[in-house]
Amino acid sequence: MRLVATKNSEHVLAFLRPGADAPHDVLVVLNFSDRELRVELASDDARRVLKRFKHPRDLLTDSKLRTLRVPAHGSLIVQQSQ
């Protein structure tokens, strides 16, 4: 597991859970705020992590993502679309 720095760090916890290979990596984003947040990554290293997910989808809703918007007190589990 590897923490991923965000600009919303007081309300958001994000981490990368590496899979057996890159297509199976998972990015977990947790929002502890009482409002929806658009998660912005805080470093070049964090942005490189996000680039692993060229066509991201949320495993919880099985929906494609265009931005990392996390509902209040919600979460995203992001994986590369197959």
Protein backbone atom coordinates (compact mmCIF):
# COMPACT_ATOMS: atom_id res chain seq x y z
CA MET A 1 0.00 0.00 0.00
CA ARG A 2 1.25 3.48 -0.86
CA LEU A 3 -0.26 6.77 0.29
CA VAL A 4 -1.08 9.26 -2.46
CA ALA A 5 -0.79 12.97 -1.60
CA THR A 6 -3.87 15.12 -2.28
CA LYS A 7 -4.57 18.83 -1.94
CA ASN A 8 -7.58 17.86 0.19
CA SER A 9 -5.49 15.95 2.73
CA GLU A 10 -7.38 17.18 5.79
CA HIS A 11 -10.55 15.52 4.45
CA VAL A 12 -9.30 12.91 1.97
CA LEU A 13 -7.21 9.78 2.34
CA ALA A 14 -6.00 8.21 -0.90
CA PHE A 15 -3.79 5.21 -1.36
CA LEU A 16 -2.62 2.89 -4.10
CA ARG A 17 -2.98 -0.83 -3.58
CA PRO A 18 -0.70 -2.47 -6.14
CA GLY A 19 -2.12 -5.51 -7.90
CA ALA A 20 -0.30 -8.53 -9.26
CA ASP A 21 0.33 -6.41 -12.37
CA ALA A 22 -0.41 -2.79 -13.36
CA PRO A 23 -3.94 -3.38 -14.77
CA HIS A 24 -4.94 -4.76 -11.37
CA ASP A 25 -3.71 -1.77 -9.33
CA VAL A 26 -6.45 -0.10 -7.31
CA LEU A 27 -6.63 3.52 -6.13
CA VAL A 28 -8.78 3.94 -3.01
CA VAL A 29 -10.07 7.43 -2.18
CA LEU A 30 -11.94 8.12 1.07
CA ASN A 31 -13.74 11.41 1.78
CA PHE A 32 -14.24 12.21 5.47
CA SER A 33 -15.87 15.58 4.71
CA ASP A 34 -19.60 16.34 4.93
CA ARG A 35 -19.55 17.62 1.34
CA GLU A 36 -18.68 16.23 -2.07
CA LEU A 37 -15.07 16.92 -3.01
CA ARG A 38 -13.16 16.98 -6.26
CA VAL A 39 -9.89 15.35 -5.36
CA GLU A 40 -6.76 17.05 -6.65
CA LEU A 41 -3.42 15.34 -6.43
CA ALA A 42 -0.70 17.29 -4.65
CA SER A 43 2.56 16.16 -6.23
CA ASP A 44 4.12 15.00 -9.47
CA ASP A 45 4.50 11.54 -7.95
CA ALA A 46 0.77 11.43 -7.12
CA ARG A 47 -0.12 12.56 -10.65
CA ARG A 48 2.08 9.75 -12.05
CA VAL A 49 0.05 7.29 -9.97
CA LEU A 50 -3.19 8.60 -11.50
CA LYS A 51 -1.78 8.27 -15.03
CA ARG A 52 -1.78 4.48 -14.47
CA PHE A 53 -5.55 4.69 -14.82
CA LYS A 54 -6.04 5.89 -18.42
CA HIS A 55 -9.69 4.82 -18.43
CA PRO A 56 -10.64 4.78 -14.75
CA ARG A 57 -13.79 3.18 -13.42
CA ASP A 58 -15.21 3.04 -9.92
CA LEU A 59 -15.50 -0.58 -8.81
CA LEU A 60 -18.25 0.31 -6.31
CA THR A 61 -20.65 1.66 -8.94
CA ASP A 62 -19.10 0.06 -12.04
CA SER A 63 -19.13 3.50 -13.68
CA LYS A 64 -16.46 5.24 -15.75
CA LEU A 65 -14.90 8.29 -14.12
CA ARG A 66 -13.99 11.57 -15.77
CA THR A 67 -12.88 13.26 -12.56
CA LEU A 68 -12.23 12.11 -9.02
CA ARG A 69 -15.38 13.44 -7.36
CA VAL A 70 -16.08 11.75 -4.07
CA PRO A 71 -19.45 12.09 -2.34
CA ALA A 72 -19.69 13.36 1.23
CA HIS A 73 -18.51 10.64 3.61
CA GLY A 74 -18.04 8.46 0.53
CA SER A 75 -15.37 6.58 -1.31
CA LEU A 76 -14.09 5.57 -4.72
CA ILE A 77 -12.28 2.38 -5.57
CA VAL A 78 -10.67 3.08 -8.91
CA GLN A 79 -9.27 0.56 -11.35
CA GLN A 80 -8.28 0.67 -15.00
CA SER A 81 -11.21 -0.27 -17.26
CA GLN A 82 -10.59 -3.58 -18.98
